[in-house]
Structure formats: structure tokens, C-alpha cells
Amino acid sequence: MATPAQARIDLDAIRFNVAMLKERARGAELMGAVKADAYGHGLVPAAGAVLEGGASRLGTAFVREALALRAGGVTAPILSWLLTPDEPLDEALRADVELSASDPGLLGEIAAAARRTGITAKLHLEADTGMSRGGCPLAGWPELLDAALELRAEGVVEIVGLWSHFACADIPGHPSIGRQLEEFETALKLAEQVGAAGSHVIRHIANSAAIMTLPAARYDLVRPGIAMYGLSPIPELGDFGLRQAMTLVARAGLVKRVPEGSGVSYAHLYTTERETTLGLVPLGYADGILRHATGRAEVLAGGRRRTIAGRVCMDQFMIDMGDDPLSAGDEVVLFGPGDGGEPTAQEWADTLGTITHEIVTRIGSRVPRVYERRSSG
């Protein structure tokens, strides 16, 4: 390892996970969510593995992410669903990026880009079925459909998808799940009644958690995100046979003996109980290691787990090795699949009171992604 730290990404694990999700989708298309640099795994390489695993489409939050995929040679259909003012819509249309809209004003901006470029915009209309985040409330849904149909008649847009997003699919049995499915059915029926839905229009609402637990939510397409990277969307129900793709490692920097009573790192939150060996791990909160991992999260070093000793700093943290050997350059594993006894990302998330999404997406740009292909089947 030529760098102080690496995030090793097992592309075979991503491919394996997608293939398993595709099988669970029971014939529905699969759109792999590769937003946020593919959940921290590296946009273009991870997207390639997602497509190899059986995805027919990709999804991004922002247009710039979709354009980066195109620049990286990805030709599969891509949907970008989070559009803000001044998005490069002309570039999106020229790159054959599908766009989501949830209000007539945004539809107007997309239509203007279509007129400027002479390219028909491919639209997914989003209904707010109860998350109260993105999407058009059902009270405004008829107006949105009418506006889209007028633009379709003009020839500047094509309606290719109708969709929504679950708020609580990761909480099995939550009463909102059934209500959202009912609301989505209502939105689809309204679209059918006015001619905005047909056999060519893709209906989609299922995220990773819904793929695992809600067969009724599959419709024509499913949109897995976190599960593709081997992290459970519902940890309380286990790992579903998924294979964690990211292993975060670092090389020990300075290793030194210190006497009993030595205060370690800022504020001396940790004090050595006896003469001991301290090891410096060159990762910190600038690299996505949460500061409140201080004294809580574990790493694997010298064949055993060690709790972070003292405050996590911007670029580094310390571990107490006791009398166990450690040399500068030895590998320290923060988290991985757990095969070698190292903590998993789920363990880190549980320890720190968060979700695995945050653990993996926070790993910063100073940490190079190194791509591997290891058998996962």
C-alpha cells in the first residue's frame, strides 16, 4: 500500500449483491442508485459493477453525477431526480439523461431546455405519497399531469416514468407503508385516466428495504441503493446474504512506548494505565472518521480489536496496543466484511448511533479507492 490509507472496493461483491437483488425483484427492471459517488465507493467503477450485476438503468441525485457517468463511458439509461435552479439541463438532454419533475415550474424549465436543444426530454413524474420531501402532493398531481400532457402534445417531453419514494420501508410494519402504496396506486390511476400512463411508462417506488420485504412494491422497476454495496437496509432483520464491498484500511504511522499516566490526544480524554505502546493511525475526521468515534469505535490491529484511544483528530487517531507488537507500516483495518475479525460498517454505525450510509459516504477524497475483484459467490 503506497498511501497512508485506502478504501478497498470489492467490485465482485457489488456485482454479486446486484444479481441477488435482481433475483428478488422477480422480473422487475433494476435501477442502481449510484448517487454520492456510488455511496462513497467510486462513481464510474461501481456503476460498471452495478451494470455487470444485472442493472439496466442507473439513478443519480444530481445532473452533474449523470454527466460524470457519461464522461466515464457509461451508456445505460440514467435518471437524475434532484433538480435545483440553474441545473445544466441542456447538457443533460444532450447526454440523454432522463429527468424527474414534481411541479409545473420545473416542467417549464425542462421544456425550455428541450426547445433550445431540439431534444425531447424524457420525464419521470414524481408523486409525494407521504414522505413530504420531493414529489408532487396528490392535490396538485392532476395539474402536473395536465402540464406534462400539454408539453407532450407539443413534442418537447416524453413521459417515461411515474414514481415515488418510501419514508419508512426500513421499518417493517410501519403504518405509513400501506398508506403510501395506496396513495401511489391513486396517483397511477389518475395518470391512466388522463392518458399519462401506458405500457411504456415505468412505475417505480421500491428502494432497497422494499425490495427485501414488500413484493407489492416492485411494479416495473426497483431502485436499490445501500444494499448494492453489501450493507443491510434493515439491520434488525440481518444482512440478507449481502456482501460488504468496502474495506477501510490504514498503515500505522508513528509507533512508540509511553509511560503510565500519559494523556493521549486533545483534552487528554484517554490516559494510559501503565507503560504501553501507542500507534498512530493516519485517518481523521477530515477523512470521514466521525469525531465522536473517540473512545468508542474499534479497529483491528495486531490481530486484535482496539478501541480508539483519545480524541479523533483531523488527520489521525491513536490506538493503545498494550505490549502487543506493532510497527510503522503495519496494516490497521477500520472496517470491512468481517472475514478477518475486523469490525463491519454496521458495527461502526451501531456504535456511533448512525446508519451505514453515513459511515461509507463520509470517507473523504484523500482516501484513494482501490478496486479489487474477489470471489463473492
Protein backbone atom coordinates (compact mmCIF):
# COMPACT_ATOMS: atom_id res chain seq x y z
CA MET A 1 0.00 0.00 0.00
CA ALA A 2 1.70 3.16 -1.22
CA THR A 3 -0.67 5.58 0.55
CA PRO A 4 -1.37 6.13 4.27
CA ALA A 5 -4.89 4.72 3.84
CA GLN A 6 -7.11 3.05 1.26
CA ALA A 7 -10.74 2.20 0.80
CA ARG A 8 -10.58 -1.17 -0.92
CA ILE A 9 -13.67 -1.78 -3.03
CA ASP A 10 -14.61 -5.32 -3.97
CA LEU A 11 -16.33 -4.92 -7.33
CA ASP A 12 -17.28 -8.59 -7.35
CA ALA A 13 -19.20 -8.03 -4.12
CA ILE A 14 -21.20 -5.22 -5.76
CA ARG A 15 -21.88 -7.39 -8.77
CA PHE A 16 -22.95 -10.28 -6.51
CA ASN A 17 -25.29 -8.06 -4.47
CA VAL A 18 -26.95 -6.60 -7.55
CA ALA A 19 -27.50 -10.04 -9.04
CA MET A 20 -29.15 -11.15 -5.80
CA LEU A 21 -31.35 -8.06 -5.70
CA LYS A 22 -32.29 -8.60 -9.33
CA GLU A 23 -33.40 -12.12 -8.47
CA ARG A 24 -35.51 -10.82 -5.58
CA ALA A 25 -37.12 -8.28 -7.90
CA ARG A 26 -38.83 -11.16 -9.73
CA GLY A 27 -38.76 -9.75 -13.24
CA ALA A 28 -38.80 -6.03 -12.48
CA GLU A 29 -36.08 -3.89 -14.01
CA LEU A 30 -33.37 -2.69 -11.67
CA MET A 31 -32.12 0.89 -11.46
CA GLY A 32 -28.97 1.08 -9.36
CA ALA A 33 -28.65 4.23 -7.27
CA VAL A 34 -25.08 5.45 -7.67
CA LYS A 35 -25.53 8.94 -6.24
CA ALA A 36 -22.99 10.40 -3.81
CA ASP A 37 -20.03 8.84 -5.63
CA ALA A 38 -21.81 5.47 -5.53
CA TYR A 39 -22.29 5.78 -1.76
CA GLY A 40 -18.59 6.54 -1.41
CA HIS A 41 -17.44 3.56 -3.47
CA GLY A 42 -16.37 5.48 -6.59
CA LEU A 43 -18.90 6.52 -9.22
CA VAL A 44 -17.76 5.06 -12.52
CA PRO A 45 -16.10 1.82 -11.36
CA ALA A 46 -19.00 0.99 -9.04
CA ALA A 47 -21.54 1.82 -11.75
CA GLY A 48 -19.79 -0.60 -14.07
CA ALA A 49 -20.09 -3.37 -11.48
CA VAL A 50 -23.76 -2.49 -10.90
CA LEU A 51 -24.47 -2.88 -14.61
CA GLU A 52 -22.48 -6.11 -14.76
CA GLY A 53 -24.61 -7.44 -11.92
CA GLY A 54 -27.81 -7.01 -13.89
CA ALA A 55 -28.98 -3.41 -13.55
CA SER A 56 -30.44 -1.99 -16.74
CA ARG A 57 -30.54 1.62 -15.51
CA LEU A 58 -28.72 3.93 -13.11
CA GLY A 59 -30.01 6.68 -10.85
CA THR A 60 -28.29 9.81 -9.56
CA ALA A 61 -29.40 12.67 -7.38
CA PHE A 62 -27.84 15.45 -9.46
CA VAL A 63 -27.33 16.05 -13.16
CA ARG A 64 -23.60 16.57 -12.67
CA GLU A 65 -23.36 13.00 -11.39
CA ALA A 66 -25.10 11.71 -14.50
CA LEU A 67 -22.81 13.78 -16.72
CA ALA A 68 -19.77 12.31 -14.93
CA LEU A 69 -21.09 8.84 -15.72
CA ARG A 70 -21.44 9.76 -19.37
CA ALA A 71 -17.93 11.22 -19.38
CA GLY A 72 -16.76 7.91 -17.91
CA GLY A 73 -18.21 5.99 -20.83
CA VAL A 74 -21.45 4.77 -19.28
CA THR A 75 -24.16 4.44 -21.95
CA ALA A 76 -27.00 2.87 -19.93
CA PRO A 77 -30.14 4.93 -19.25
CA ILE A 78 -29.66 7.34 -16.33
CA LEU A 79 -32.27 9.19 -14.28
CA SER A 80 -31.39 12.32 -12.28
CA TRP A 81 -34.10 13.16 -9.77
CA LEU A 82 -32.99 16.14 -7.67
CA LEU A 83 -33.12 19.23 -9.87
CA THR A 84 -32.42 22.69 -8.47
CA PRO A 85 -32.43 26.07 -10.24
CA ASP A 86 -29.73 26.55 -12.86
CA GLU A 87 -29.07 22.85 -13.38
CA PRO A 88 -27.30 22.17 -16.72
CA LEU A 89 -30.47 20.87 -18.32
CA ASP A 90 -29.26 21.47 -21.88
CA GLU A 91 -26.21 19.30 -21.20
CA ALA A 92 -28.41 16.68 -19.57
CA LEU A 93 -30.62 16.40 -22.62
CA ARG A 94 -27.66 16.26 -24.99
CA ALA A 95 -26.26 13.44 -22.84
CA ASP A 96 -29.59 11.55 -22.95
CA VAL A 97 -30.16 11.89 -19.21
CA GLU A 98 -33.71 11.31 -18.02
CA LEU A 99 -35.07 13.94 -15.63
CA SER A 100 -37.57 13.94 -12.78
CA ALA A 101 -40.12 16.67 -12.22
CA SER A 102 -42.62 17.27 -9.44
CA ASP A 103 -44.02 20.73 -10.16
CA PRO A 104 -45.17 22.67 -13.25
CA GLY A 105 -42.42 25.29 -12.83
CA LEU A 106 -39.68 22.71 -13.17
CA LEU A 107 -41.53 21.15 -16.07
CA GLY A 108 -41.38 24.54 -17.75
CA GLU A 109 -37.61 24.75 -17.28
CA ILE A 110 -37.15 21.28 -18.73
CA ALA A 111 -39.41 22.14 -21.67
CA ALA A 112 -37.40 25.32 -22.32
CA ALA A 113 -34.20 23.25 -22.45
CA ALA A 114 -35.88 20.83 -24.84
CA ARG A 115 -36.87 23.69 -27.15
CA ARG A 116 -33.36 25.17 -27.05
CA THR A 117 -31.68 21.88 -27.86
CA GLY A 118 -34.33 20.38 -30.12
CA ILE A 119 -34.17 17.21 -27.99
CA THR A 120 -37.30 15.67 -26.47
CA ALA A 121 -36.89 15.43 -22.70
CA LYS A 122 -37.57 12.06 -21.10
CA LEU A 123 -39.55 12.67 -17.92
CA HIS A 124 -40.24 10.77 -14.74
CA LEU A 125 -43.05 12.45 -12.78
CA GLU A 126 -42.69 12.09 -9.01
CA ALA A 127 -45.68 11.88 -6.69
CA ASP A 128 -45.42 12.69 -3.00
CA THR A 129 -47.26 9.76 -1.45
CA GLY A 130 -46.46 10.60 2.15
CA MET A 131 -42.79 11.36 2.62
CA SER A 132 -43.34 15.12 2.34
CA ARG A 133 -39.92 15.60 0.78
CA GLY A 134 -39.63 15.54 -3.02
CA GLY A 135 -42.59 14.87 -5.23
CA CYS A 136 -45.88 16.47 -6.11
CA PRO A 137 -48.63 16.29 -3.45
CA LEU A 138 -51.65 14.39 -4.73
CA ALA A 139 -53.72 17.56 -4.53
CA GLY A 140 -51.52 19.04 -7.24
CA TRP A 141 -50.99 15.80 -9.20
CA PRO A 142 -53.78 16.44 -11.78
CA GLU A 143 -52.28 19.86 -12.55
CA LEU A 144 -48.82 18.33 -13.00
CA LEU A 145 -50.20 15.63 -15.29
CA ASP A 146 -52.07 18.19 -17.37
CA ALA A 147 -48.95 20.33 -17.76
CA ALA A 148 -46.90 17.30 -18.79
CA LEU A 149 -49.53 16.20 -21.29
CA GLU A 150 -49.60 19.65 -22.89
CA LEU A 151 -45.83 19.54 -23.30
CA ARG A 152 -46.04 16.02 -24.65
CA ALA A 153 -48.56 17.20 -27.24
CA GLU A 154 -46.09 19.91 -28.21
CA GLY A 155 -43.45 17.23 -28.67
CA VAL A 156 -40.94 18.61 -26.19
CA VAL A 157 -41.31 15.93 -23.49
CA GLU A 158 -41.99 12.22 -23.29
CA ILE A 159 -43.38 10.72 -20.08
CA VAL A 160 -41.30 7.61 -19.42
CA GLY A 161 -41.80 7.07 -15.68
CA LEU A 162 -44.10 7.62 -12.71
CA TRP A 163 -42.56 7.22 -9.30
CA SER A 164 -42.46 7.90 -5.58
CA HIS A 165 -40.29 7.13 -2.56
CA PHE A 166 -40.94 5.38 0.74
CA ALA A 167 -40.38 7.10 4.07
CA CYS A 168 -40.40 4.04 6.34
CA ALA A 169 -39.82 0.92 4.25
CA ASP A 170 -36.90 0.13 6.57
CA ILE A 171 -39.34 -0.13 9.48
CA PRO A 172 -41.35 -3.28 8.68
CA GLY A 173 -44.99 -2.94 9.64
CA HIS A 174 -44.94 0.85 9.85
CA PRO A 175 -48.47 2.11 9.06
CA SER A 176 -47.20 4.64 6.54
CA ILE A 177 -46.05 1.88 4.19
CA GLY A 178 -49.54 0.70 3.32
CA ARG A 179 -50.80 4.26 3.07
CA GLN A 180 -48.03 5.18 0.65
CA LEU A 181 -48.80 2.21 -1.57
CA GLU A 182 -52.47 3.25 -1.62
CA GLU A 183 -51.53 6.81 -2.49
CA PHE A 184 -49.20 5.61 -5.23
CA GLU A 185 -52.00 3.49 -6.69
CA THR A 186 -54.23 6.56 -6.66
CA ALA A 187 -51.58 8.59 -8.47
CA LEU A 188 -51.14 5.84 -11.07
CA LYS A 189 -54.88 5.56 -11.68
CA LEU A 190 -55.19 9.31 -12.18
CA ALA A 191 -52.33 9.14 -14.67
CA GLU A 192 -54.01 6.29 -16.51
CA GLN A 193 -57.32 8.15 -16.68
CA VAL A 194 -55.79 11.14 -18.44
CA GLY A 195 -53.54 9.11 -20.73
CA ALA A 196 -50.24 9.79 -18.98
CA ALA A 197 -49.58 6.13 -18.20
CA GLY A 198 -49.23 3.27 -20.63
CA SER A 199 -47.33 0.08 -21.14
CA HIS A 200 -44.18 2.05 -21.97
CA VAL A 201 -44.30 4.14 -18.77
CA ILE A 202 -42.20 2.68 -15.93
CA ARG A 203 -43.77 2.65 -12.45
CA HIS A 204 -41.32 2.57 -9.53
CA ILE A 205 -41.30 3.09 -5.77
CA ALA A 206 -39.24 0.27 -4.21
CA ASN A 207 -35.92 1.07 -2.53
CA SER A 208 -33.53 -1.48 -1.01
CA ALA A 209 -35.71 -2.16 2.03
CA ALA A 210 -38.87 -2.53 -0.05
CA ILE A 211 -37.16 -4.98 -2.39
CA MET A 212 -36.43 -7.20 0.61
CA THR A 213 -39.81 -7.05 2.32
CA LEU A 214 -42.56 -5.64 0.06
CA PRO A 215 -43.31 -7.72 -3.06
CA ALA A 216 -46.31 -5.48 -3.81
CA ALA A 217 -43.96 -2.51 -4.28
CA ARG A 218 -41.92 -3.98 -7.14
CA TYR A 219 -44.06 -2.69 -10.02
CA ASP A 220 -41.99 -2.34 -13.20
CA LEU A 221 -38.67 -1.28 -11.68
CA VAL A 222 -36.86 -1.31 -8.33
CA ARG A 223 -34.24 1.19 -7.15
CA PRO A 224 -31.73 -0.36 -4.74
CA GLY A 225 -29.09 1.81 -3.16
CA ILE A 226 -27.32 0.79 0.05
CA ALA A 227 -27.96 -2.93 -0.45
CA MET A 228 -25.92 -2.95 -3.67
CA TYR A 229 -22.86 -2.09 -1.61
CA GLY A 230 -23.48 -5.01 0.75
CA LEU A 231 -25.00 -3.11 3.66
CA SER A 232 -28.34 -4.17 5.07
CA PRO A 233 -31.26 -1.79 4.53
CA ILE A 234 -32.96 -3.31 7.61
CA PRO A 235 -30.19 -4.34 10.03
CA GLU A 236 -32.72 -5.71 12.53
CA LEU A 237 -33.57 -8.44 10.00
CA GLY A 238 -29.95 -9.40 9.31
CA ASP A 239 -27.68 -8.95 6.34
CA PHE A 240 -29.88 -10.78 3.77
CA GLY A 241 -26.79 -12.55 2.46
CA LEU A 242 -25.30 -9.31 1.16
CA ARG A 243 -21.53 -8.88 0.87
CA GLN A 244 -19.95 -5.66 2.16
CA ALA A 245 -17.90 -4.12 -0.64
CA MET A 246 -15.78 -1.55 1.19
CA THR A 247 -12.82 -2.30 3.45
CA LEU A 248 -11.17 0.75 5.03
CA VAL A 249 -7.51 0.28 5.95
CA ALA A 250 -4.56 2.42 7.00
CA ARG A 251 -0.88 1.93 7.67
CA ALA A 252 0.28 2.62 11.20
CA GLY A 253 2.42 5.73 11.32
CA LEU A 254 4.44 6.51 14.41
CA VAL A 255 4.64 3.70 16.99
CA LYS A 256 6.12 4.49 20.41
CA ARG A 257 6.30 3.40 24.04
CA VAL A 258 4.89 5.84 26.58
CA PRO A 259 4.85 5.68 30.39
CA GLU A 260 1.92 5.09 32.70
CA GLY A 261 -0.25 8.18 33.12
CA SER A 262 0.38 9.59 29.65
CA GLY A 263 -2.50 11.73 28.40
CA VAL A 264 -3.35 10.89 24.80
CA SER A 265 -4.57 13.32 22.13
CA TYR A 266 -6.56 16.53 22.61
CA ALA A 267 -8.12 17.16 26.03
CA HIS A 268 -6.43 14.03 27.42
CA LEU A 269 -9.71 12.11 27.31
CA TYR A 270 -7.64 8.93 27.48
CA THR A 271 -4.81 8.30 29.91
CA THR A 272 -2.61 5.22 29.82
CA GLU A 273 -2.99 2.93 32.82
CA ARG A 274 0.53 1.55 32.51
CA GLU A 275 3.56 1.71 30.25
CA THR A 276 2.23 0.85 26.82
CA THR A 277 2.69 1.05 23.06
CA LEU A 278 0.69 3.65 21.16
CA GLY A 279 0.10 3.51 17.42
CA LEU A 280 -0.83 6.43 15.23
CA VAL A 281 -3.45 5.74 12.53
CA PRO A 282 -3.36 8.39 9.76
CA LEU A 283 -7.10 8.90 9.30
CA GLY A 284 -9.23 11.56 10.98
CA TYR A 285 -12.43 13.49 10.78
CA ALA A 286 -11.24 15.21 7.59
CA ASP A 287 -11.35 11.72 6.06
CA GLY A 288 -14.81 10.90 7.41
CA ILE A 289 -13.88 9.25 10.71
CA LEU A 290 -16.53 10.74 12.94
CA ARG A 291 -15.10 12.72 15.84
CA HIS A 292 -17.49 11.03 18.25
CA ALA A 293 -15.83 7.71 17.40
CA THR A 294 -13.47 8.88 20.16
CA GLY A 295 -13.19 6.14 22.75
CA ARG A 296 -15.97 4.12 21.11
CA ALA A 297 -15.23 2.66 17.69
CA GLU A 298 -12.94 -0.34 17.29
CA VAL A 299 -10.29 -1.21 14.71
CA LEU A 300 -8.33 -4.39 14.03
CA ALA A 301 -4.59 -4.09 14.67
CA GLY A 302 -2.03 -6.74 15.52
CA GLY A 303 -4.63 -9.48 15.30
CA ARG A 304 -6.95 -7.96 17.91
CA ARG A 305 -9.58 -5.28 18.11
CA ARG A 306 -8.55 -2.00 19.72
CA THR A 307 -10.77 0.88 20.76
CA ILE A 308 -9.76 4.31 19.51
CA ALA A 309 -7.70 5.82 22.35
CA GLY A 310 -8.32 9.51 22.88
CA ARG A 311 -9.90 12.10 20.67
CA VAL A 312 -10.13 11.60 16.91
CA CYS A 313 -8.18 14.46 15.28
CA MET A 314 -8.47 15.98 11.84
CA ASP A 315 -5.87 13.69 10.28
CA GLN A 316 -5.18 10.94 12.80
CA PHE A 317 -6.17 8.96 15.86
CA MET A 318 -4.34 6.75 18.33
CA ILE A 319 -4.71 3.16 19.46
CA ASP A 320 -3.32 1.53 22.59
CA MET A 321 -1.53 -1.73 21.78
CA GLY A 322 -0.50 -2.59 25.33
CA ASP A 323 2.52 -4.87 25.00
CA ASP A 324 1.44 -6.31 21.65
CA PRO A 325 3.81 -5.67 18.76
CA LEU A 326 3.09 -3.03 16.11
CA SER A 327 5.49 -1.47 13.62
CA ALA A 328 5.20 1.59 11.45
CA GLY A 329 3.66 0.48 8.17
CA ASP A 330 1.61 -2.37 9.67
CA GLU A 331 -1.96 -2.50 8.46
CA VAL A 332 -4.85 -1.36 10.63
CA VAL A 333 -8.37 -2.28 9.45
CA LEU A 334 -11.12 0.09 10.49
CA PHE A 335 -13.97 -1.88 8.97
CA GLY A 336 -14.63 -4.50 6.32
CA PRO A 337 -16.79 -7.57 5.66
CA GLY A 338 -15.72 -9.06 8.99
CA ASP A 339 -14.00 -12.10 7.49
CA GLY A 340 -10.75 -11.44 9.35
CA GLY A 341 -12.31 -10.42 12.63
CA GLU A 342 -12.40 -6.74 11.77
CA PRO A 343 -15.45 -4.61 12.63
CA THR A 344 -18.07 -4.18 9.93
CA ALA A 345 -19.54 -0.89 8.76
CA GLN A 346 -22.74 -1.93 10.52
CA GLU A 347 -20.86 -2.27 13.80
CA TRP A 348 -19.40 1.19 13.36
CA ALA A 349 -22.86 2.57 12.60
CA ASP A 350 -24.40 0.87 15.63
CA THR A 351 -21.60 2.06 17.91
CA LEU A 352 -21.88 5.63 16.69
CA GLY A 353 -25.67 5.81 16.61
CA THR A 354 -26.00 6.32 12.88
CA ILE A 355 -26.59 4.34 9.69
CA THR A 356 -24.13 2.64 7.37
CA HIS A 357 -24.99 5.14 4.62
CA GLU A 358 -23.23 7.83 6.66
CA ILE A 359 -20.24 5.65 7.52
CA VAL A 360 -19.33 4.87 3.89
CA THR A 361 -20.36 8.12 2.18
CA ARG A 362 -18.26 10.24 4.56
CA ILE A 363 -14.95 8.64 3.58
CA GLY A 364 -13.19 11.59 2.00
CA SER A 365 -11.29 12.23 -1.20
CA ARG A 366 -7.86 11.95 0.48
CA VAL A 367 -8.53 8.23 0.80
CA PRO A 368 -7.98 6.60 -2.60
CA ARG A 369 -10.40 3.92 -3.74
CA VAL A 370 -8.55 0.79 -4.79
CA TYR A 371 -10.58 -1.65 -6.85
CA GLU A 372 -10.38 -5.38 -6.38
CA ARG A 373 -12.27 -8.37 -7.67
CA ARG A 374 -12.67 -11.10 -5.12
CA SER A 375 -14.94 -14.11 -5.40
CA SER A 376 -18.19 -13.50 -3.51
CA GLY A 377 -20.32 -16.39 -4.63
